[in-house]
Structure formats: structure tokens, C-alpha cells
Amino acid sequence: MKKVLLDTNAYTRLLTGDKDVLEVLGRAHTVFMSIFVLGELYAGFRGGLRESENRTQLDDFLRRPTVRILSGTLETSDIFGAIKHRLHKAGTPIPINDVWIAAHATESGSHLVTFDRHFSHVAGLLLWRE
């Protein structure tokens, strides 16, 4: 996998030294971080006791030469709409932030590194474990 996008739980597992996440990141040429994942992380930091430390650690990670931040685009919105519609039609909705994250993974052609099984409902999404 040359391109990966980290889900919130994968970033958290990275911090705990998860060997599988470390391995996939070590092989990736590009590691994408979605602004929607970053929003979830920042929200979690505010609810914890180590906000400053967590922000510093994330800032250091984001400065790595292989890491790129994905902002929302018109294409992201269009892909989001298509994914959300298909999930609704199939009766398999997933959390709204995860629809945005799936849209970013699709738009960037990345494998999504996640531990959430519900992403398997998103047709055509490249998942790390598949």
C-alpha cells in the first residue's frame, strides 16, 4: 500500500505502539490525515487531561515528510453524497464523520487504516485489512 489514510482509532493505536499500524505506516509512501479525523482528535484532546501533550505529539506527527493533510473539496462533497446515499439505500448507515473519512479515502485512492468494521459497508472503499 503506497497511500494510506489513518482513521482516528488507527492514530490512537499508533501512539500505543500497535505493531500492525507501525508496519503499514513503515511501508506507506504517503500517509493522509483527514481534517475530519483531526477534528475528532482535537475534540478528544479537549476532553482529556493531556491536551497540550497530545497536540504537540500530533503536530510532530503531521510534520513528518510522508504525512499530508486532506482538506475538504467539492469532489469530497460529491463523493460523500454518493456514499451516504448508497449506505442509506442499503439500510447500512455509518456515523456521519466516518462517511466524510470514507470520502477522503476514496478521493485520495488510499487504503483506510481503521479498526471500525462498519467501513466494510462502503462499496469500493479500499480497506487496509482486506
Protein backbone atom coordinates (compact mmCIF):
# COMPACT_ATOMS: atom_id res chain seq x y z
CA MET A 1 0.00 0.00 0.00
CA LYS A 2 1.63 3.18 -1.16
CA LYS A 3 -1.08 5.52 0.15
CA VAL A 4 -2.93 5.14 3.43
CA LEU A 5 -5.35 7.30 5.37
CA LEU A 6 -5.39 6.93 9.15
CA ASP A 7 -8.73 6.75 10.92
CA THR A 8 -8.94 8.20 14.42
CA ASN A 9 -8.66 4.82 16.12
CA ALA A 10 -5.63 3.87 13.99
CA TYR A 11 -3.81 7.05 15.03
CA THR A 12 -4.61 6.25 18.65
CA ARG A 13 -3.32 2.70 18.21
CA LEU A 14 -0.17 4.10 16.60
CA LEU A 15 0.51 6.02 19.81
CA THR A 16 0.26 2.82 21.83
CA GLY A 17 2.85 1.18 19.58
CA ASP A 18 0.48 -1.15 17.72
CA LYS A 19 2.80 -3.29 15.58
CA ASP A 20 0.33 -3.68 12.71
CA VAL A 21 -0.20 0.06 12.39
CA LEU A 22 3.53 0.74 12.67
CA GLU A 23 4.18 -1.82 9.94
CA VAL A 24 1.68 -0.37 7.48
CA LEU A 25 2.98 3.16 8.09
CA GLY A 26 6.54 1.99 7.59
CA ARG A 27 5.66 0.71 4.11
CA ALA A 28 3.48 3.65 3.03
CA HIS A 29 4.88 6.34 0.76
CA THR A 30 2.15 8.78 1.77
CA VAL A 31 0.11 8.90 4.99
CA PHE A 32 -3.00 11.04 4.71
CA MET A 33 -4.75 12.63 7.66
CA SER A 34 -8.27 13.86 7.01
CA ILE A 35 -9.41 17.12 8.56
CA PHE A 36 -12.37 15.10 9.85
CA VAL A 37 -10.02 12.74 11.72
CA LEU A 38 -8.11 15.74 13.04
CA GLY A 39 -11.37 17.24 14.30
CA GLU A 40 -12.18 14.05 16.17
CA LEU A 41 -8.70 14.00 17.68
CA TYR A 42 -8.85 17.65 18.77
CA ALA A 43 -12.25 17.04 20.37
CA GLY A 44 -10.80 14.10 22.27
CA PHE A 45 -7.79 16.12 23.37
CA ARG A 46 -10.07 18.78 24.86
CA GLY A 47 -11.84 16.13 26.90
CA GLY A 48 -8.64 14.67 28.32
CA LEU A 49 -6.05 15.59 30.88
CA ARG A 50 -3.10 15.88 28.48
CA GLU A 51 -4.40 18.27 25.80
CA SER A 52 -1.13 20.15 25.36
CA GLU A 53 0.98 16.98 25.20
CA ASN A 54 -1.42 15.34 22.74
CA ARG A 55 -1.42 18.40 20.48
CA THR A 56 2.38 18.53 20.49
CA GLN A 57 2.60 14.84 19.65
CA LEU A 58 0.09 15.24 16.80
CA ASP A 59 1.90 18.33 15.48
CA ASP A 60 5.16 16.36 15.41
CA PHE A 61 3.44 13.54 13.50
CA LEU A 62 1.90 15.96 10.99
CA ARG A 63 5.34 17.45 10.26
CA ARG A 64 6.71 14.11 9.05
CA PRO A 65 7.69 14.31 5.37
CA THR A 66 5.36 11.49 4.34
CA VAL A 67 2.27 12.92 6.06
CA ARG A 68 -0.26 15.03 4.13
CA ILE A 69 -3.41 16.72 5.43
CA LEU A 70 -6.55 16.37 3.32
CA SER A 71 -8.92 19.32 3.27
CA GLY A 72 -12.48 19.13 2.00
CA THR A 73 -13.07 19.83 -1.68
CA LEU A 74 -16.04 19.93 -3.99
CA GLU A 75 -15.09 16.40 -5.08
CA THR A 76 -15.01 15.28 -1.43
CA SER A 77 -18.56 16.59 -1.03
CA ASP A 78 -19.76 14.80 -4.16
CA ILE A 79 -18.21 11.50 -3.06
CA PHE A 80 -19.68 12.00 0.43
CA GLY A 81 -23.13 12.43 -1.09
CA ALA A 82 -22.80 9.28 -3.18
CA ILE A 83 -21.55 7.18 -0.26
CA LYS A 84 -24.20 8.48 2.15
CA HIS A 85 -26.95 7.85 -0.41
CA ARG A 86 -25.79 4.26 -1.11
CA LEU A 87 -25.50 3.47 2.61
CA HIS A 88 -28.97 4.87 3.29
CA LYS A 89 -30.47 2.97 0.37
CA ALA A 90 -28.84 -0.27 1.59
CA GLY A 91 -30.02 0.31 5.17
CA THR A 92 -26.45 0.32 6.47
CA PRO A 93 -25.77 3.86 7.69
CA ILE A 94 -22.50 4.65 9.46
CA PRO A 95 -21.55 7.65 11.63
CA ILE A 96 -21.53 10.86 9.60
CA ASN A 97 -17.86 11.68 10.29
CA ASP A 98 -16.97 8.23 9.00
CA VAL A 99 -18.80 8.96 5.75
CA TRP A 100 -16.55 12.01 5.33
CA ILE A 101 -13.47 9.93 6.16
CA ALA A 102 -14.52 7.28 3.62
CA ALA A 103 -14.99 10.05 1.05
CA HIS A 104 -11.45 11.29 1.68
CA ALA A 105 -10.02 7.77 1.39
CA THR A 106 -11.90 7.27 -1.87
CA GLU A 107 -10.91 10.66 -3.27
CA SER A 108 -7.23 10.12 -2.47
CA GLY A 109 -7.15 6.49 -3.63
CA SER A 110 -5.88 5.44 -0.21
CA HIS A 111 -6.33 2.34 1.87
CA LEU A 112 -8.18 3.30 5.03
CA VAL A 113 -6.38 2.11 8.15
CA THR A 114 -9.14 1.58 10.68
CA PHE A 115 -10.40 -0.79 13.33
CA ASP A 116 -14.07 0.06 12.66
CA ARG A 117 -15.83 -2.81 10.91
CA HIS A 118 -18.71 -0.67 9.65
CA PHE A 119 -16.49 0.76 6.91
CA SER A 120 -16.92 -2.59 5.14
CA HIS A 121 -20.42 -1.36 4.17
CA VAL A 122 -18.86 1.32 1.94
CA ALA A 123 -18.72 -0.15 -1.56
CA GLY A 124 -15.40 0.25 -3.33
CA LEU A 125 -13.55 1.57 -0.27
CA LEU A 126 -10.01 0.25 -0.03
CA LEU A 127 -9.59 -1.14 3.47
CA TRP A 128 -6.23 -1.94 5.00
CA ARG A 129 -7.16 -5.39 6.32
CA GLU A 130 -8.81 -6.66 3.13
